């Protein structure tokens, strides 16, 4: 379970990542370019930083892992 973003401009911070691929829902493997932080704006206007987001430009969508948020103690 990981967070994935396909748009580099959404990252506020990026670092090189040793992980080279991430397995997607259809069992395909996509290349991870970097890992970083993406700011997420909630409906009420609050902005929070989502960390450990994988930059995977070959995907067509962005994914937030509910399982990761749950493990971090977030209310969902």
PDB file of N, CA and C in Angstrom:
ATOM      1  N   UNK A   1       0.839  -1.177   0.000  1.00  0.00           N
ATOM      2  CA  UNK A   1       0.000   0.000   0.000  1.00  0.00           C
ATOM      3  C   UNK A   1       0.890   1.248   0.000  1.00  0.00           C
ATOM      4  N   UNK A   2       0.711   2.070  -0.997  1.00  0.00           N
ATOM      5  CA  UNK A   2       1.492   3.300  -1.111  1.00  0.00           C
ATOM      6  C   UNK A   2       0.632   4.401  -1.713  1.00  0.00           C
ATOM      7  N   UNK A   3       1.057   5.647  -1.483  1.00  0.00           N
ATOM      8  CA  UNK A   3       0.455   6.788  -2.158  1.00  0.00           C
ATOM      9  C   UNK A   3       1.187   6.962  -3.489  1.00  0.00           C
ATOM     10  N   UNK A   4       0.441   7.316  -4.547  1.00  0.00           N
ATOM     11  CA  UNK A   4       1.020   7.468  -5.886  1.00  0.00           C
ATOM     12  C   UNK A   4       0.520   8.770  -6.500  1.00  0.00           C
ATOM     13  N   UNK A   5       1.423   9.513  -7.134  1.00  0.00           N
ATOM     14  CA  UNK A   5       1.056  10.731  -7.862  1.00  0.00           C
ATOM     15  C   UNK A   5       1.759  10.725  -9.211  1.00  0.00           C
ATOM     16  N   UNK A   6       1.031  11.071 -10.250  1.00  0.00           N
ATOM     17  CA  UNK A   6       1.589  11.047 -11.605  1.00  0.00           C
ATOM     18  C   UNK A   6       2.005  12.423 -12.105  1.00  0.00           C
ATOM     19  N   UNK A   7       1.813  13.474 -11.306  1.00  0.00           N
ATOM     20  CA  UNK A   7       2.085  14.845 -11.733  1.00  0.00           C
ATOM     21  C   UNK A   7       3.210  15.462 -10.906  1.00  0.00           C
ATOM     22  N   UNK A   8       4.375  15.617 -11.496  1.00  0.00           N
ATOM     23  CA  UNK A   8       5.548  16.127 -10.780  1.00  0.00           C
ATOM     24  C   UNK A   8       5.305  17.504 -10.179  1.00  0.00           C
ATOM     25  N   UNK A   9       4.538  18.335 -10.847  1.00  0.00           N
ATOM     26  CA  UNK A   9       4.305  19.700 -10.368  1.00  0.00           C
ATOM     27  C   UNK A   9       3.499  19.743  -9.063  1.00  0.00           C
ATOM     28  N   UNK A  10       2.882  18.654  -8.670  1.00  0.00           N
ATOM     29  CA  UNK A  10       2.116  18.610  -7.425  1.00  0.00           C
ATOM     30  C   UNK A  10       3.008  18.410  -6.198  1.00  0.00           C
ATOM     31  N   UNK A  11       4.258  18.004  -6.407  1.00  0.00           N
ATOM     32  CA  UNK A  11       5.164  17.739  -5.300  1.00  0.00           C
ATOM     33  C   UNK A  11       5.783  19.039  -4.786  1.00  0.00           C
ATOM     34  N   UNK A  12       5.858  19.151  -3.462  1.00  0.00           N
ATOM     35  CA  UNK A  12       6.542  20.283  -2.850  1.00  0.00           C
ATOM     36  C   UNK A  12       7.977  19.920  -2.505  1.00  0.00           C
ATOM     37  N   UNK A  13       8.282  18.626  -2.493  1.00  0.00           N
ATOM     38  CA  UNK A  13       9.604  18.127  -2.150  1.00  0.00           C
ATOM     39  C   UNK A  13       9.774  16.753  -2.777  1.00  0.00           C
ATOM     40  N   UNK A  14      10.923  16.490  -3.390  1.00  0.00           N
ATOM     41  CA  UNK A  14      11.210  15.191  -4.006  1.00  0.00           C
ATOM     42  C   UNK A  14      12.622  14.745  -3.646  1.00  0.00           C
ATOM     43  N   UNK A  15      12.778  13.451  -3.400  1.00  0.00           N
ATOM     44  CA  UNK A  15      14.094  12.858  -3.188  1.00  0.00           C
ATOM     45  C   UNK A  15      14.178  11.558  -3.989  1.00  0.00           C
ATOM     46  N   UNK A  16      15.391  11.151  -4.302  1.00  0.00           N
ATOM     47  CA  UNK A  16      15.581   9.881  -5.007  1.00  0.00           C
ATOM     48  C   UNK A  16      15.129   8.746  -4.097  1.00  0.00           C
ATOM     49  N   UNK A  17      14.542   7.729  -4.685  1.00  0.00           N
ATOM     50  CA  UNK A  17      14.025   6.602  -3.924  1.00  0.00           C
ATOM     51  C   UNK A  17      14.674   5.325  -4.401  1.00  0.00           C
ATOM     52  N   UNK A  18      15.065   4.469  -3.464  1.00  0.00           N
ATOM     53  CA  UNK A  18      15.674   3.198  -3.833  1.00  0.00           C
ATOM     54  C   UNK A  18      14.668   2.246  -4.468  1.00  0.00           C
ATOM     55  N   UNK A  19      13.413   2.339  -4.060  1.00  0.00           N
ATOM     56  CA  UNK A  19      12.374   1.473  -4.625  1.00  0.00           C
ATOM     57  C   UNK A  19      12.224   1.809  -6.108  1.00  0.00           C
ATOM     58  N   UNK A  20      12.323   0.808  -6.965  1.00  0.00           N
ATOM     59  CA  UNK A  20      12.314   1.053  -8.407  1.00  0.00           C
ATOM     60  C   UNK A  20      10.956   0.846  -9.059  1.00  0.00           C
ATOM     61  N   UNK A  21      10.099   0.006  -8.462  1.00  0.00           N
ATOM     62  CA  UNK A  21       8.778  -0.222  -9.045  1.00  0.00           C
ATOM     63  C   UNK A  21       7.728  -0.294  -7.940  1.00  0.00           C
ATOM     64  N   UNK A  22       6.499  -0.076  -8.337  1.00  0.00           N
ATOM     65  CA  UNK A  22       5.363  -0.242  -7.446  1.00  0.00           C
ATOM     66  C   UNK A  22       4.347  -1.106  -8.189  1.00  0.00           C
ATOM     67  N   UNK A  23       3.753  -2.046  -7.487  1.00  0.00           N
ATOM     68  CA  UNK A  23       2.761  -2.943  -8.089  1.00  0.00           C
ATOM     69  C   UNK A  23       1.392  -2.278  -8.035  1.00  0.00           C
ATOM     70  N   UNK A  24       0.749  -2.185  -9.171  1.00  0.00           N
ATOM     71  CA  UNK A  24      -0.542  -1.517  -9.265  1.00  0.00           C
ATOM     72  C   UNK A  24      -1.680  -2.512  -9.045  1.00  0.00           C
ATOM     73  N   UNK A  25      -2.914  -2.005  -9.018  1.00  0.00           N
ATOM     74  CA  UNK A  25      -4.080  -2.839  -8.728  1.00  0.00           C
ATOM     75  C   UNK A  25      -4.277  -3.961  -9.741  1.00  0.00           C
ATOM     76  N   UNK A  26      -3.870  -3.743 -10.980  1.00  0.00           N
ATOM     77  CA  UNK A  26      -4.038  -4.771 -12.017  1.00  0.00           C
ATOM     78  C   UNK A  26      -2.828  -5.707 -12.099  1.00  0.00           C
ATOM     79  N   UNK A  27      -1.978  -5.687 -11.059  1.00  0.00           N
ATOM     80  CA  UNK A  27      -0.761  -6.501 -10.952  1.00  0.00           C
ATOM     81  C   UNK A  27       0.362  -6.072 -11.891  1.00  0.00           C
ATOM     82  N   UNK A  28       0.204  -4.955 -12.589  1.00  0.00           N
ATOM     83  CA  UNK A  28       1.299  -4.460 -13.417  1.00  0.00           C
ATOM     84  C   UNK A  28       2.302  -3.722 -12.526  1.00  0.00           C
ATOM     85  N   UNK A  29       3.535  -3.625 -12.983  1.00  0.00           N
ATOM     86  CA  UNK A  29       4.574  -2.915 -12.242  1.00  0.00           C
ATOM     87  C   UNK A  29       4.882  -1.602 -12.960  1.00  0.00           C
ATOM     88  N   UNK A  30       4.900  -0.504 -12.211  1.00  0.00           N
ATOM     89  CA  UNK A  30       5.210   0.809 -12.764  1.00  0.00           C
ATOM     90  C   UNK A  30       6.478   1.339 -12.107  1.00  0.00           C
ATOM     91  N   UNK A  31       7.268   2.073 -12.878  1.00  0.00           N
ATOM     92  CA  UNK A  31       8.526   2.601 -12.384  1.00  0.00           C
ATOM     93  C   UNK A  31       8.301   3.787 -11.445  1.00  0.00           C
ATOM     94  N   UNK A  32       8.959   3.744 -10.285  1.00  0.00           N
ATOM     95  CA  UNK A  32       8.961   4.852  -9.337  1.00  0.00           C
ATOM     96  C   UNK A  32      10.166   5.721  -9.655  1.00  0.00           C
ATOM     97  N   UNK A  33       9.939   6.994  -9.952  1.00  0.00           N
ATOM     98  CA  UNK A  33      11.027   7.911 -10.284  1.00  0.00           C
ATOM     99  C   UNK A  33      11.632   8.505  -9.016  1.00  0.00           C
ATOM    100  N   UNK A  34      10.805   9.046  -8.151  1.00  0.00           N
ATOM    101  CA  UNK A  34      11.224   9.671  -6.900  1.00  0.00           C
ATOM    102  C   UNK A  34      10.124   9.488  -5.868  1.00  0.00           C
ATOM    103  N   UNK A  35      10.390   9.930  -4.656  1.00  0.00           N
ATOM    104  CA  UNK A  35       9.402   9.932  -3.579  1.00  0.00           C
ATOM    105  C   UNK A  35       9.425  11.310  -2.939  1.00  0.00           C
ATOM    106  N   UNK A  36       8.258  11.794  -2.505  1.00  0.00           N
ATOM    107  CA  UNK A  36       8.242  13.122  -1.915  1.00  0.00           C
ATOM    108  C   UNK A  36       6.965  13.452  -1.186  1.00  0.00           C
ATOM    109  N   UNK A  37       6.713  14.751  -1.082  1.00  0.00           N
ATOM    110  CA  UNK A  37       5.585  15.293  -0.331  1.00  0.00           C
ATOM    111  C   UNK A  37       4.641  16.032  -1.267  1.00  0.00           C
ATOM    112  N   UNK A  38       3.341  15.798  -1.077  1.00  0.00           N
ATOM    113  CA  UNK A  38       2.295  16.474  -1.847  1.00  0.00           C
ATOM    114  C   UNK A  38       1.338  17.118  -0.846  1.00  0.00           C
ATOM    115  N   UNK A  39       1.003  18.382  -1.055  1.00  0.00           N
ATOM    116  CA  UNK A  39       0.007  19.037  -0.206  1.00  0.00           C
ATOM    117  C   UNK A  39      -1.386  18.696  -0.703  1.00  0.00           C
ATOM    118  N   UNK A  40      -2.257  18.336   0.244  1.00  0.00           N
ATOM    119  CA  UNK A  40      -3.643  17.983  -0.069  1.00  0.00           C
ATOM    120  C   UNK A  40      -4.540  19.012   0.596  1.00  0.00           C
ATOM    121  N   UNK A  41      -5.444  19.607  -0.185  1.00  0.00           N
ATOM    122  CA  UNK A  41      -6.384  20.589   0.352  1.00  0.00           C
ATOM    123  C   UNK A  41      -7.722  19.906   0.614  1.00  0.00           C
ATOM    124  N   UNK A  42      -8.180  19.978   1.843  1.00  0.00           N
ATOM    125  CA  UNK A  42      -9.449  19.381   2.239  1.00  0.00           C
ATOM    126  C   UNK A  42     -10.610  20.287   1.845  1.00  0.00           C
ATOM    127  N   UNK A  43     -11.812  19.750   1.894  1.00  0.00           N
ATOM    128  CA  UNK A  43     -13.001  20.522   1.521  1.00  0.00           C
ATOM    129  C   UNK A  43     -13.178  21.769   2.379  1.00  0.00           C
ATOM    130  N   UNK A  44     -12.719  21.707   3.633  1.00  0.00           N
ATOM    131  CA  UNK A  44     -12.868  22.863   4.522  1.00  0.00           C
ATOM    132  C   UNK A  44     -11.750  23.885   4.338  1.00  0.00           C
ATOM    133  N   UNK A  45     -10.850  23.651   3.364  1.00  0.00           N
ATOM    134  CA  UNK A  45      -9.769  24.579   3.073  1.00  0.00           C
ATOM    135  C   UNK A  45      -8.460  24.275   3.785  1.00  0.00           C
ATOM    136  N   UNK A  46      -8.475  23.353   4.739  1.00  0.00           N
ATOM    137  CA  UNK A  46      -7.244  23.001   5.452  1.00  0.00           C
ATOM    138  C   UNK A  46      -6.294  22.264   4.507  1.00  0.00           C
ATOM    139  N   UNK A  47      -5.011  22.590   4.592  1.00  0.00           N
ATOM    140  CA  UNK A  47      -3.996  21.957   3.753  1.00  0.00           C
ATOM    141  C   UNK A  47      -3.115  21.086   4.633  1.00  0.00           C
ATOM    142  N   UNK A  48      -2.908  19.847   4.231  1.00  0.00           N
ATOM    143  CA  UNK A  48      -2.047  18.925   4.970  1.00  0.00           C
ATOM    144  C   UNK A  48      -1.038  18.314   4.017  1.00  0.00           C
ATOM    145  N   UNK A  49       0.129  18.012   4.547  1.00  0.00           N
ATOM    146  CA  UNK A  49       1.193  17.392   3.753  1.00  0.00           C
ATOM    147  C   UNK A  49       1.045  15.878   3.786  1.00  0.00           C
ATOM    148  N   UNK A  50       1.034  15.273   2.619  1.00  0.00           N
ATOM    149  CA  UNK A  50       0.994  13.821   2.482  1.00  0.00           C
ATOM    150  C   UNK A  50       2.414  13.397   2.104  1.00  0.00           C
ATOM    151  N   UNK A  51       3.054  12.643   2.979  1.00  0.00           N
ATOM    152  CA  UNK A  51       4.457  12.277   2.782  1.00  0.00           C
ATOM    153  C   UNK A  51       4.594  10.868   2.218  1.00  0.00           C
ATOM    154  N   UNK A  52       5.772  10.553   1.738  1.00  0.00           N
ATOM    155  CA  UNK A  52       6.103   9.231   1.174  1.00  0.00           C
ATOM    156  C   UNK A  52       5.229   8.904  -0.040  1.00  0.00           C
ATOM    157  N   UNK A  53       4.966   9.921  -0.849  1.00  0.00           N
ATOM    158  CA  UNK A  53       4.186   9.740  -2.075  1.00  0.00           C
ATOM    159  C   UNK A  53       5.147   9.355  -3.197  1.00  0.00           C
ATOM    160  N   UNK A  54       4.838   8.292  -3.921  1.00  0.00           N
ATOM    161  CA  UNK A  54       5.692   7.845  -5.028  1.00  0.00           C
ATOM    162  C   UNK A  54       5.336   8.614  -6.293  1.00  0.00           C
ATOM    163  N   UNK A  55       6.356   9.148  -6.953  1.00  0.00           N
ATOM    164  CA  UNK A  55       6.161   9.817  -8.245  1.00  0.00           C
ATOM    165  C   UNK A  55       6.267   8.758  -9.337  1.00  0.00           C
ATOM    166  N   UNK A  56       5.117   8.459  -9.951  1.00  0.00           N
ATOM    167  CA  UNK A  56       5.018   7.421 -10.986  1.00  0.00           C
ATOM    168  C   UNK A  56       4.339   8.049 -12.202  1.00  0.00           C
ATOM    169  N   UNK A  57       5.126   8.664 -13.095  1.00  0.00           N
ATOM    170  CA  UNK A  57       4.542   9.410 -14.210  1.00  0.00           C
ATOM    171  C   UNK A  57       3.767   8.575 -15.217  1.00  0.00           C
ATOM    172  N   UNK A  58       4.002   7.283 -15.276  1.00  0.00           N
ATOM    173  CA  UNK A  58       3.299   6.470 -16.278  1.00  0.00           C
ATOM    174  C   UNK A  58       1.869   6.108 -15.882  1.00  0.00           C
ATOM    175  N   UNK A  59       1.451   6.433 -14.650  1.00  0.00           N
ATOM    176  CA  UNK A  59       0.060   6.188 -14.276  1.00  0.00           C
ATOM    177  C   UNK A  59      -0.818   7.330 -14.786  1.00  0.00           C
ATOM    178  N   UNK A  60      -2.091   7.088 -14.861  1.00  0.00           N
ATOM    179  CA  UNK A  60      -3.035   8.105 -15.343  1.00  0.00           C
ATOM    180  C   UNK A  60      -3.802   8.747 -14.207  1.00  0.00           C
ATOM    181  N   UNK A  61      -3.460   8.386 -12.969  1.00  0.00           N
ATOM    182  CA  UNK A  61      -4.253   8.832 -11.836  1.00  0.00           C
ATOM    183  C   UNK A  61      -3.363   8.992 -10.607  1.00  0.00           C
ATOM    184  N   UNK A  62      -3.923   9.620  -9.576  1.00  0.00           N
ATOM    185  CA  UNK A  62      -3.266   9.771  -8.288  1.00  0.00           C
ATOM    186  C   UNK A  62      -4.018   8.896  -7.285  1.00  0.00           C
ATOM    187  N   UNK A  63      -3.275   8.259  -6.380  1.00  0.00           N
ATOM    188  CA  UNK A  63      -3.880   7.364  -5.396  1.00  0.00           C
ATOM    189  C   UNK A  63      -3.449   7.747  -3.993  1.00  0.00           C
ATOM    190  N   UNK A  64      -4.401   7.788  -3.078  1.00  0.00           N
ATOM    191  CA  UNK A  64      -4.104   7.940  -1.665  1.00  0.00           C
ATOM    192  C   UNK A  64      -4.488   6.623  -1.012  1.00  0.00           C
ATOM    193  N   UNK A  65      -3.543   6.015  -0.312  1.00  0.00           N
ATOM    194  CA  UNK A  65      -3.778   4.725   0.325  1.00  0.00           C
ATOM    195  C   UNK A  65      -4.487   4.909   1.659  1.00  0.00           C
ATOM    196  N   UNK A  66      -5.725   4.453   1.735  1.00  0.00           N
ATOM    197  CA  UNK A  66      -6.487   4.520   2.978  1.00  0.00           C
ATOM    198  C   UNK A  66      -5.812   3.654   4.044  1.00  0.00           C
ATOM    199  N   UNK A  67      -5.248   2.511   3.625  1.00  0.00           N
ATOM    200  CA  UNK A  67      -4.561   1.625   4.562  1.00  0.00           C
ATOM    201  C   UNK A  67      -3.379   2.304   5.230  1.00  0.00           C
ATOM    202  N   UNK A  68      -2.597   3.062   4.462  1.00  0.00           N
ATOM    203  CA  UNK A  68      -1.451   3.790   5.027  1.00  0.00           C
ATOM    204  C   UNK A  68      -1.946   4.852   5.998  1.00  0.00           C
ATOM    205  N   UNK A  69      -2.976   5.593   5.635  1.00  0.00           N
ATOM    206  CA  UNK A  69      -3.512   6.617   6.531  1.00  0.00           C
ATOM    207  C   UNK A  69      -4.027   5.993   7.821  1.00  0.00           C
ATOM    208  N   UNK A  70      -4.699   4.847   7.715  1.00  0.00           N
ATOM    209  CA  UNK A  70      -5.194   4.148   8.888  1.00  0.00           C
ATOM    210  C   UNK A  70      -4.049   3.717   9.801  1.00  0.00           C
ATOM    211  N   UNK A  71      -2.969   3.187   9.211  1.00  0.00           N
ATOM    212  CA  UNK A  71      -1.800   2.768   9.985  1.00  0.00           C
ATOM    213  C   UNK A  71      -1.149   3.947  10.714  1.00  0.00           C
ATOM    214  N   UNK A  72      -1.261   5.139  10.133  1.00  0.00           N
ATOM    215  CA  UNK A  72      -0.681   6.341  10.742  1.00  0.00           C
ATOM    216  C   UNK A  72      -1.595   6.971  11.781  1.00  0.00           C
ATOM    217  N   UNK A  73      -2.770   6.365  12.004  1.00  0.00           N
ATOM    218  CA  UNK A  73      -3.687   6.854  13.023  1.00  0.00           C
ATOM    219  C   UNK A  73      -4.646   7.930  12.573  1.00  0.00           C
ATOM    220  N   UNK A  74      -4.784   8.127  11.276  1.00  0.00           N
ATOM    221  CA  UNK A  74      -5.711   9.136  10.755  1.00  0.00           C
ATOM    222  C   UNK A  74      -7.148   8.646  10.879  1.00  0.00           C
ATOM    223  N   UNK A  75      -8.054   9.578  11.121  1.00  0.00           N
ATOM    224  CA  UNK A  75      -9.482   9.249  11.108  1.00  0.00           C
ATOM    225  C   UNK A  75      -9.960   9.280   9.679  1.00  0.00           C
ATOM    226  N   UNK A  76     -10.668   8.226   9.283  1.00  0.00           N
ATOM    227  CA  UNK A  76     -11.120   8.131   7.885  1.00  0.00           C
ATOM    228  C   UNK A  76     -12.632   8.044   7.860  1.00  0.00           C
TER     229      UNK A  76
END
